[in-house]
Protein backbone atom coordinates (compact mmCIF):
# COMPACT_ATOMS: atom_id res chain seq x y z
CA UNK A 1 96.07 28.91 5.92
CA UNK A 2 99.21 27.17 7.16
CA UNK A 3 100.50 28.35 10.53
CA UNK A 4 103.77 27.75 12.42
CA UNK A 5 103.78 28.19 16.21
CA UNK A 6 107.15 28.44 17.97
CA UNK A 7 106.29 28.07 21.66
CA UNK A 8 108.83 29.06 24.29
CA UNK A 9 108.15 28.95 28.04
CA UNK A 10 109.40 32.08 29.82
CA UNK A 11 106.64 34.29 28.39
CA UNK A 12 103.79 31.85 29.03
CA UNK A 13 100.79 32.98 31.10
CA UNK A 14 101.36 32.66 34.85
CA UNK A 15 105.09 31.88 34.60
CA UNK A 16 107.31 34.25 36.56
CA UNK A 17 110.52 32.48 37.63
CA UNK A 18 112.73 29.45 37.00
CA UNK A 19 110.69 27.16 39.27
CA UNK A 20 108.21 26.87 36.36
CA UNK A 21 110.66 26.24 33.52
CA UNK A 22 113.44 24.00 34.85
CA UNK A 23 112.74 20.35 33.91
CA UNK A 24 115.25 19.02 36.44
CA UNK A 25 114.70 21.14 39.54
CA UNK A 26 111.62 23.29 39.03
CA UNK A 27 109.11 22.73 41.83
CA UNK A 28 106.43 24.30 39.60
CA UNK A 29 107.64 22.73 36.34
CA UNK A 30 104.65 20.40 35.87
CA UNK A 31 102.34 23.38 36.36
CA UNK A 32 104.42 25.33 33.85
CA UNK A 33 103.99 22.56 31.29
CA UNK A 34 100.22 22.77 31.70
CA UNK A 35 100.26 26.57 31.40
CA UNK A 36 102.35 26.24 28.22
CA UNK A 37 99.94 23.72 26.73
CA UNK A 38 96.96 25.90 27.67
CA UNK A 39 98.44 28.96 25.93
CA UNK A 40 99.18 26.94 22.79
CA UNK A 41 95.65 25.52 22.77
CA UNK A 42 94.09 28.97 23.08
CA UNK A 43 95.94 30.10 19.96
CA UNK A 44 95.21 26.88 18.08
CA UNK A 45 91.48 27.00 18.86
CA UNK A 46 91.16 30.60 17.69
CA UNK A 47 93.20 29.91 14.55
CA UNK A 48 91.06 26.91 13.62
CA UNK A 49 87.89 28.94 14.18
CA UNK A 50 89.35 31.57 11.85
CA UNK A 51 89.97 28.98 9.15
CA UNK A 52 93.52 27.72 9.58
CA UNK A 53 93.89 24.36 7.86
CA UNK A 54 97.31 23.24 9.09
CA UNK A 55 99.06 24.11 12.35
CA UNK A 56 102.49 22.90 13.42
CA UNK A 57 103.57 23.57 17.01
CA UNK A 58 107.32 23.58 17.67
CA UNK A 59 108.09 23.09 21.36
CA UNK A 60 110.95 25.59 21.72
CA UNK A 61 112.11 25.54 25.34
CA UNK A 62 115.16 23.81 26.82
CA UNK A 63 115.10 20.12 25.76
CA UNK A 64 111.96 20.92 23.76
CA UNK A 65 109.91 18.25 25.49
CA UNK A 66 107.61 20.42 27.59
CA UNK A 67 104.19 20.65 25.94
CA UNK A 68 101.79 17.95 27.11
CA UNK A 69 101.27 16.03 23.87
CA UNK A 70 98.20 14.21 25.18
CA UNK A 71 96.55 17.52 26.07
CA UNK A 72 97.42 19.47 22.91
CA UNK A 73 94.57 20.23 20.52
CA UNK A 74 94.16 17.15 18.29
CA UNK A 75 94.13 19.18 15.08
CA UNK A 76 97.67 20.49 15.65
CA UNK A 77 100.87 18.54 15.07
CA UNK A 78 103.62 18.74 17.68
CA UNK A 79 107.33 18.92 16.90
CA UNK A 80 109.15 17.95 20.08
CA UNK A 81 112.61 16.84 21.18
CA UNK A 82 116.17 17.83 20.41
CA UNK A 83 118.68 18.31 18.93
CA UNK A 84 117.33 20.09 15.90
CA UNK A 85 119.43 21.83 13.28
CA UNK A 86 117.24 24.93 13.44
CA UNK A 87 116.12 24.64 17.05
CA UNK A 88 113.12 26.89 17.76
CA UNK A 89 112.37 27.27 14.04
CA UNK A 90 112.79 23.66 12.93
CA UNK A 91 110.26 22.77 10.25
CA UNK A 92 109.53 26.27 9.02
CA UNK A 93 109.75 26.81 5.26
CA UNK A 94 108.24 29.06 2.62
CA UNK A 95 105.01 27.04 2.50
CA UNK A 96 103.76 28.71 5.69
CA UNK A 97 101.52 31.76 5.58
CA UNK A 98 102.52 33.07 9.01
CA UNK A 99 104.52 32.35 12.14
CA UNK A 100 103.42 33.04 15.71
CA UNK A 101 105.89 33.26 18.61
CA UNK A 102 104.12 32.19 21.80
CA UNK A 103 105.58 32.53 25.30
CA UNK A 104 108.59 34.60 24.20
CA UNK A 105 110.75 36.89 26.35
CA UNK A 106 113.07 39.88 26.07
CA UNK A 107 116.74 39.66 25.17
CA UNK A 108 119.71 39.42 27.50
CA UNK A 109 120.66 42.54 29.44
CA UNK A 110 117.30 44.32 29.34
CA UNK A 111 114.32 44.21 31.72
CA UNK A 112 111.64 41.59 31.27
CA UNK A 113 110.48 38.34 32.84
CA UNK A 114 113.33 35.79 32.60
CA UNK A 115 115.13 37.82 29.94
CA UNK A 116 118.06 36.14 28.17
CA UNK A 117 119.31 35.31 24.69
CA UNK A 118 119.60 31.61 23.93
CA UNK A 119 122.13 30.92 26.70
CA UNK A 120 123.69 32.43 29.79
CA UNK A 121 126.91 32.64 27.76
CA UNK A 122 125.55 35.41 25.54
CA UNK A 123 125.84 39.07 26.47
CA UNK A 124 124.64 40.41 23.11
CA UNK A 125 123.87 38.99 19.68
CA UNK A 126 123.80 40.88 16.40
CA UNK A 127 122.76 40.19 12.82
CA UNK A 128 124.18 42.72 10.35
CA UNK A 129 124.85 45.05 13.28
CA UNK A 130 121.26 44.86 14.59
CA UNK A 131 121.00 43.66 18.18
CA UNK A 132 118.60 40.74 18.47
CA UNK A 133 117.25 38.42 21.12
CA UNK A 134 115.50 35.15 20.44
CA UNK A 135 112.53 37.01 18.97
CA UNK A 136 114.65 38.98 16.51
CA UNK A 137 116.90 36.08 15.55
CA UNK A 138 113.96 33.81 14.81
CA UNK A 139 112.06 36.56 13.01
CA UNK A 140 115.05 37.09 10.72
CA UNK A 141 115.11 33.34 10.03
CA UNK A 142 111.39 33.41 9.14
CA UNK A 143 111.81 36.56 7.07
CA UNK A 144 114.43 34.95 4.87
CA UNK A 145 111.72 32.45 3.89
CA UNK A 146 109.31 35.31 3.25
CA UNK A 147 107.18 34.29 6.25
CA UNK A 148 105.84 37.14 8.43
CA UNK A 149 105.80 36.87 12.22
CA UNK A 150 102.29 38.12 12.95
CA UNK A 151 101.86 37.48 16.70
CA UNK A 152 104.00 37.39 19.83
CA UNK A 153 102.77 36.59 23.33
CA UNK A 154 104.50 37.23 26.63
CA UNK A 155 105.02 40.19 28.91
CA UNK A 156 104.61 43.88 28.05
CA UNK A 157 108.33 44.30 27.38
CA UNK A 158 108.67 41.58 24.74
CA UNK A 159 105.70 43.27 23.07
CA UNK A 160 107.76 46.46 22.87
CA UNK A 161 110.86 44.61 21.64
CA UNK A 162 108.85 42.90 18.92
CA UNK A 163 107.15 46.08 17.76
CA UNK A 164 110.52 47.82 17.42
CA UNK A 165 111.40 45.24 14.76
CA UNK A 166 107.94 44.54 13.27
CA UNK A 167 105.73 47.60 13.93
CA UNK A 168 102.49 45.97 12.74
CA UNK A 169 102.84 42.76 14.77
CA UNK A 170 99.99 41.80 17.10
CA UNK A 171 100.90 41.34 20.75
CA UNK A 172 99.13 39.23 23.36
CA UNK A 173 100.33 40.70 26.65
CA UNK A 174 99.52 38.13 29.34
CA UNK A 175 101.57 39.71 32.14
CA UNK A 176 103.21 42.97 33.17
CA UNK A 177 106.86 42.64 34.15
CA UNK A 178 107.62 43.80 37.70
CA UNK A 179 111.18 42.46 37.77
CA UNK A 180 113.09 39.70 36.02
CA UNK A 181 111.38 37.13 38.29
CA UNK A 182 108.08 38.80 39.13
CA UNK A 183 105.03 39.83 37.11
CA UNK A 184 101.44 40.96 37.45
CA UNK A 185 99.62 38.16 35.62
CA UNK A 186 96.25 38.05 33.96
CA UNK A 187 93.94 35.33 35.24
CA UNK A 188 93.83 32.08 33.29
CA UNK A 189 90.51 33.09 31.79
CA UNK A 190 91.70 36.59 30.85
CA UNK A 191 94.92 35.27 29.34
CA UNK A 192 93.06 32.72 27.23
CA UNK A 193 90.66 35.40 25.99
CA UNK A 194 93.53 37.77 25.11
CA UNK A 195 95.45 35.06 23.26
CA UNK A 196 92.36 34.20 21.23
CA UNK A 197 91.56 37.86 20.53
CA UNK A 198 95.06 38.63 19.32
CA UNK A 199 95.21 35.42 17.26
CA UNK A 200 92.10 36.45 15.37
CA UNK A 201 93.49 39.95 14.86
CA UNK A 202 96.84 38.62 13.66
CA UNK A 203 95.23 36.30 11.13
CA UNK A 204 93.15 39.17 9.80
CA UNK A 205 96.39 41.12 9.21
CA UNK A 206 98.58 38.43 7.65
CA UNK A 207 98.59 40.19 4.28
CA UNK A 208 99.49 43.52 5.89
CA UNK A 209 102.41 42.42 8.07
CA UNK A 210 105.68 42.30 6.18
CA UNK A 211 108.35 39.70 6.90
CA UNK A 212 111.44 41.01 8.72
CA UNK A 213 113.96 41.46 5.93
CA UNK A 214 117.76 41.63 6.09
CA UNK A 215 120.42 41.52 3.41
CA UNK A 216 122.65 38.54 2.70
CA UNK A 217 125.34 37.50 3.37
CA UNK A 218 124.54 37.69 7.08
CA UNK A 219 127.10 38.91 9.61
CA UNK A 220 126.54 37.14 12.92
CA UNK A 221 128.27 38.65 15.95
CA UNK A 222 128.01 37.16 19.43
CA UNK A 223 129.44 39.03 22.40
CA UNK A 224 130.13 36.48 25.11
CA UNK A 225 130.06 37.02 28.85
CA UNK A 226 133.56 35.66 29.44
CA UNK A 227 136.73 35.42 27.36
CA UNK A 228 136.96 31.66 27.73
CA UNK A 229 133.52 31.26 26.19
CA UNK A 230 134.49 33.42 23.21
CA UNK A 231 137.70 31.45 22.77
CA UNK A 232 135.76 28.21 22.57
CA UNK A 233 133.21 29.68 20.12
CA UNK A 234 136.04 30.88 17.90
CA UNK A 235 136.99 27.26 17.22
CA UNK A 236 134.23 27.24 14.58
CA UNK A 237 135.87 27.49 11.14
CA UNK A 238 135.46 30.86 9.45
CA UNK A 239 135.01 32.87 12.64
CA UNK A 240 136.91 35.99 13.68
CA UNK A 241 137.60 36.63 17.37
CA UNK A 242 137.77 40.22 18.67
CA UNK A 243 139.49 39.78 22.03
CA UNK A 244 138.85 43.29 23.36
CA UNK A 245 135.08 42.80 23.37
CA UNK A 246 134.82 38.99 23.72
CA UNK A 247 132.97 39.03 20.40
CA UNK A 248 133.09 36.33 17.75
CA UNK A 249 132.07 37.16 14.17
CA UNK A 250 130.92 34.89 11.37
CA UNK A 251 129.57 35.56 7.86
CA UNK A 252 126.71 33.23 6.98
CA UNK A 253 125.50 32.53 3.47
CA UNK A 254 121.85 31.97 4.41
CA UNK A 255 119.46 31.36 7.32
CA UNK A 256 120.47 27.70 7.63
CA UNK A 257 124.17 28.51 7.93
CA UNK A 258 123.28 31.32 10.36
CA UNK A 259 121.25 29.15 12.72
CA UNK A 260 123.54 26.13 12.77
CA UNK A 261 126.64 28.24 13.32
CA UNK A 262 124.99 30.19 16.13
CA UNK A 263 124.11 26.90 17.84
CA UNK A 264 127.61 25.53 17.36
CA UNK A 265 129.21 28.67 18.80
CA UNK A 266 126.96 28.74 21.85
CA UNK A 267 127.30 25.01 22.50
CA UNK A 268 131.07 25.27 22.37
CA UNK A 269 131.04 28.36 24.61
CA UNK A 270 129.00 26.43 27.16
CA UNK A 271 131.82 23.91 27.61
CA UNK A 272 134.29 26.51 28.89
CA UNK A 273 135.22 25.67 32.48
CA UNK A 274 135.78 28.22 35.24
CA UNK A 275 136.92 27.81 38.84
């Protein structure tokens, strides 16, 4: 059993606001790193007990240097650092039996702890007309390799978002969203137990959970918050800019083209200056 863990930070146990996730200014950031490592270890331990033989952990938040390497379970390998062509999904291929998304959050514009989609520039993102957040985008990427996403952890609302796309997915709900920056959190012990329980359940259902499938070519549409951001994103060759909605469209041949172009568009949009 070969397992890929994409580990974000906003949905990690005990994390409720930006003070835990900001490497530069977060007064609780070092605590957040420990919480993130603890959640990953809970999943790794349960997966190894189940019989997983290879586990790759992709640190998937911000600069992607958050997980405490020296404290991560020694039988897992850590992919850290950036840039990466495929960001949160770097390293995944069709040799994996399953992917788990740990510490994930809801998409931009909907309730949920620290909800957003990739960047503050993005209002909405679509693949073939289907609105997606980071969960959906990455699940599509995995699905194009034939790899099912079998587990997501985070708050109760990302569990709902995930189930809308993958009805049979297992969900480790470690906190109940109260607002975008408040949550009712399980204790450390309860969260660890729930992560382990859902990991075991997910691994028992790998053969039953279908990959998220979409047709190719892939139409990527990103609705930006401001016109200047959309104008910068539209510099990417092959894009089409719809001025009325601040939306930039691109037709991607495959998951690699999709991911790299999305990153290029968002990175360019982030350079737009405003007074």
